[in-house]
N, C-alpha and C. Protein backbone atom coordinates (compact mmCIF):
# COMPACT_ATOMS: atom_id res chain seq x y z
N MET A 1 -34.69 101.51 3.09
CA MET A 1 -33.41 101.80 3.68
C MET A 1 -32.37 100.87 3.06
N LEU A 2 -31.26 101.44 2.67
CA LEU A 2 -30.18 100.66 2.10
C LEU A 2 -28.88 100.94 2.86
N VAL A 3 -28.03 99.93 2.91
CA VAL A 3 -26.71 100.09 3.51
C VAL A 3 -25.68 99.66 2.46
N VAL A 4 -24.60 100.43 2.37
CA VAL A 4 -23.51 100.12 1.45
C VAL A 4 -22.31 99.73 2.29
N ASP A 5 -21.77 98.57 2.01
CA ASP A 5 -20.57 98.06 2.67
C ASP A 5 -19.47 98.11 1.60
N LEU A 6 -18.59 99.10 1.72
CA LEU A 6 -17.59 99.38 0.70
C LEU A 6 -16.20 99.12 1.24
N THR A 7 -15.44 98.25 0.59
CA THR A 7 -14.04 98.00 0.96
C THR A 7 -13.17 98.69 -0.08
N CYS A 8 -12.25 99.54 0.38
CA CYS A 8 -11.41 100.34 -0.52
C CYS A 8 -9.94 100.06 -0.27
N HIS A 9 -9.19 100.00 -1.36
CA HIS A 9 -7.73 99.94 -1.28
C HIS A 9 -7.22 101.33 -1.65
N LEU A 10 -6.44 101.96 -0.77
CA LEU A 10 -5.98 103.32 -0.93
C LEU A 10 -4.55 103.37 -1.47
N LYS A 11 -4.29 104.29 -2.38
CA LYS A 11 -2.93 104.46 -2.89
C LYS A 11 -2.02 105.03 -1.80
N LYS A 12 -2.53 106.01 -1.07
CA LYS A 12 -1.75 106.65 -0.01
C LYS A 12 -2.21 106.11 1.34
N PRO A 13 -1.31 105.95 2.29
CA PRO A 13 -1.73 105.50 3.62
C PRO A 13 -2.63 106.54 4.29
N ALA A 14 -3.58 106.06 5.02
CA ALA A 14 -4.52 106.94 5.73
C ALA A 14 -4.93 106.27 7.02
N ARG A 15 -5.41 107.08 7.94
CA ARG A 15 -5.91 106.52 9.19
C ARG A 15 -7.43 106.58 9.20
N TYR A 16 -8.04 105.55 9.74
CA TYR A 16 -9.50 105.50 9.84
C TYR A 16 -9.94 106.50 10.89
N GLY A 17 -11.02 107.19 10.63
CA GLY A 17 -11.55 108.14 11.59
C GLY A 17 -11.19 109.58 11.27
N ASN A 18 -10.60 109.82 10.12
CA ASN A 18 -10.27 111.18 9.71
C ASN A 18 -11.49 111.76 8.99
N GLU A 19 -12.31 112.50 9.70
CA GLU A 19 -13.56 113.03 9.14
C GLU A 19 -13.35 114.34 8.40
N GLU A 20 -12.11 114.79 8.25
CA GLU A 20 -11.84 116.04 7.54
C GLU A 20 -12.39 116.00 6.12
N ALA A 21 -12.37 114.85 5.49
CA ALA A 21 -12.87 114.74 4.11
C ALA A 21 -14.34 115.09 4.03
N LEU A 22 -15.09 114.86 5.10
CA LEU A 22 -16.52 115.15 5.09
C LEU A 22 -16.80 116.65 5.19
N LYS A 23 -15.79 117.44 5.50
CA LYS A 23 -15.96 118.88 5.59
C LYS A 23 -15.62 119.58 4.28
N GLY A 24 -15.02 118.87 3.36
CA GLY A 24 -14.63 119.44 2.07
C GLY A 24 -15.71 119.26 1.03
N PRO A 25 -15.36 118.67 -0.11
CA PRO A 25 -16.31 118.53 -1.21
C PRO A 25 -17.51 117.64 -0.87
N LEU A 26 -17.39 116.81 0.15
CA LEU A 26 -18.50 115.92 0.51
C LEU A 26 -19.49 116.54 1.49
N LYS A 27 -19.20 117.76 1.95
CA LYS A 27 -20.13 118.45 2.86
C LYS A 27 -21.48 118.58 2.17
N ASN A 28 -22.54 118.35 2.88
CA ASN A 28 -23.92 118.38 2.39
C ASN A 28 -24.27 117.21 1.47
N ILE A 29 -23.32 116.28 1.29
CA ILE A 29 -23.61 115.07 0.51
C ILE A 29 -23.57 113.86 1.43
N VAL A 30 -22.58 113.82 2.31
CA VAL A 30 -22.41 112.69 3.21
C VAL A 30 -22.47 113.18 4.65
N GLY A 31 -23.43 112.65 5.40
CA GLY A 31 -23.51 112.93 6.83
C GLY A 31 -22.56 112.00 7.58
N HIS A 32 -22.57 112.09 8.89
CA HIS A 32 -21.61 111.33 9.69
C HIS A 32 -22.25 110.98 11.03
N THR A 33 -22.06 109.76 11.49
CA THR A 33 -22.47 109.37 12.83
C THR A 33 -21.43 108.46 13.45
N GLU A 34 -21.26 108.61 14.76
CA GLU A 34 -20.39 107.71 15.51
C GLU A 34 -21.21 106.91 16.53
N HIS A 35 -22.53 107.08 16.50
CA HIS A 35 -23.43 106.38 17.41
C HIS A 35 -23.75 104.99 16.87
N GLN A 36 -24.11 104.09 17.77
CA GLN A 36 -24.61 102.79 17.33
C GLN A 36 -26.01 103.02 16.78
N VAL A 37 -26.23 102.62 15.54
CA VAL A 37 -27.50 102.90 14.87
C VAL A 37 -28.06 101.64 14.22
N VAL A 38 -29.34 101.71 13.92
CA VAL A 38 -30.05 100.68 13.15
C VAL A 38 -30.74 101.38 11.99
N SER A 39 -31.23 100.64 11.05
CA SER A 39 -31.80 101.23 9.84
C SER A 39 -32.91 102.24 10.12
N SER A 40 -33.75 102.00 11.11
CA SER A 40 -34.86 102.91 11.38
C SER A 40 -34.38 104.28 11.88
N ASP A 41 -33.14 104.39 12.34
CA ASP A 41 -32.60 105.68 12.76
C ASP A 41 -32.45 106.64 11.58
N PHE A 42 -32.47 106.12 10.37
CA PHE A 42 -32.24 106.95 9.20
C PHE A 42 -33.50 107.24 8.40
N ASN A 43 -34.66 106.81 8.89
CA ASN A 43 -35.91 107.11 8.20
C ASN A 43 -36.07 108.62 8.11
N SER A 44 -36.32 109.12 6.92
CA SER A 44 -36.51 110.54 6.65
C SER A 44 -35.26 111.38 6.93
N ASP A 45 -34.09 110.76 6.92
CA ASP A 45 -32.84 111.49 7.08
C ASP A 45 -32.65 112.38 5.86
N THR A 46 -32.30 113.63 6.07
CA THR A 46 -32.18 114.57 4.95
C THR A 46 -30.81 114.50 4.26
N ASP A 47 -29.82 113.86 4.88
CA ASP A 47 -28.54 113.68 4.20
C ASP A 47 -28.70 112.62 3.11
N PRO A 48 -28.15 112.85 1.92
CA PRO A 48 -28.25 111.83 0.87
C PRO A 48 -27.65 110.49 1.30
N SER A 49 -26.59 110.52 2.11
CA SER A 49 -25.95 109.32 2.60
C SER A 49 -25.30 109.66 3.94
N THR A 50 -25.19 108.67 4.84
CA THR A 50 -24.57 108.89 6.15
C THR A 50 -23.49 107.87 6.37
N PHE A 51 -22.29 108.35 6.64
CA PHE A 51 -21.14 107.52 6.95
C PHE A 51 -21.26 107.04 8.39
N ASP A 52 -21.23 105.73 8.60
CA ASP A 52 -21.35 105.13 9.93
C ASP A 52 -19.94 104.76 10.41
N ALA A 53 -19.31 105.71 11.12
CA ALA A 53 -17.92 105.53 11.55
C ALA A 53 -17.76 104.34 12.50
N GLY A 54 -18.77 104.06 13.31
CA GLY A 54 -18.69 102.96 14.26
C GLY A 54 -18.78 101.58 13.63
N ALA A 55 -19.31 101.50 12.43
CA ALA A 55 -19.49 100.20 11.79
C ALA A 55 -18.33 99.82 10.86
N GLY A 56 -17.55 100.81 10.43
CA GLY A 56 -16.44 100.54 9.54
C GLY A 56 -15.18 100.21 10.33
N ILE A 57 -14.11 99.91 9.59
CA ILE A 57 -12.85 99.53 10.23
C ILE A 57 -11.70 99.75 9.25
N ALA A 58 -10.54 100.06 9.81
CA ALA A 58 -9.31 100.08 9.01
C ALA A 58 -8.74 98.67 9.02
N LEU A 59 -8.56 98.10 7.86
CA LEU A 59 -7.98 96.77 7.78
C LEU A 59 -6.46 96.84 7.89
N ASN A 60 -5.89 97.91 7.35
CA ASN A 60 -4.48 98.27 7.49
C ASN A 60 -4.35 99.71 7.01
N ASN A 61 -3.14 100.24 6.81
CA ASN A 61 -2.98 101.63 6.40
C ASN A 61 -3.46 101.92 4.98
N HIS A 62 -3.66 100.87 4.18
CA HIS A 62 -4.06 101.06 2.79
C HIS A 62 -5.43 100.45 2.46
N SER A 63 -6.09 99.84 3.41
CA SER A 63 -7.40 99.23 3.16
C SER A 63 -8.37 99.59 4.28
N VAL A 64 -9.56 100.03 3.87
CA VAL A 64 -10.60 100.38 4.84
C VAL A 64 -11.92 99.78 4.41
N LYS A 65 -12.75 99.47 5.37
CA LYS A 65 -14.13 99.03 5.12
C LYS A 65 -15.02 100.16 5.62
N LEU A 66 -15.81 100.72 4.73
CA LEU A 66 -16.67 101.86 5.04
C LEU A 66 -18.13 101.45 4.94
N ILE A 67 -18.94 101.95 5.85
CA ILE A 67 -20.38 101.66 5.86
C ILE A 67 -21.14 102.98 5.69
N PHE A 68 -22.05 103.00 4.72
CA PHE A 68 -22.90 104.16 4.48
C PHE A 68 -24.35 103.73 4.49
N TRP A 69 -25.22 104.56 5.06
CA TRP A 69 -26.67 104.33 5.07
C TRP A 69 -27.35 105.39 4.22
N TYR A 70 -28.43 105.01 3.56
CA TYR A 70 -29.29 106.03 2.98
C TYR A 70 -30.72 105.53 2.85
N ASP A 71 -31.63 106.48 2.95
CA ASP A 71 -33.06 106.19 2.86
C ASP A 71 -33.47 106.36 1.40
N ASN A 72 -33.63 105.26 0.69
CA ASN A 72 -33.94 105.33 -0.73
C ASN A 72 -35.39 105.71 -1.00
N GLU A 73 -36.21 105.92 0.03
CA GLU A 73 -37.60 106.30 -0.17
C GLU A 73 -37.87 107.75 0.18
N PHE A 74 -36.87 108.46 0.72
CA PHE A 74 -37.06 109.85 1.14
C PHE A 74 -36.70 110.78 0.00
N GLY A 75 -37.46 111.84 -0.16
CA GLY A 75 -37.12 112.89 -1.12
C GLY A 75 -37.69 112.61 -2.45
């Protein structure tokens, strides 16, 4: 199990929690959870990666910290 902690600086202002992007080109690539989770919750998860909305945060309108989980042993 691996977790990615990604901090991004955005050109355009955005609000944290806008999951619309996950319905577009990222559909079937990135899953989504708002539950409190631990690494074992993702064992054998069929999504290539899962965005953990509860673990990330908006630092301001142009910077966000995003958390993604994936099971590197599945598939």
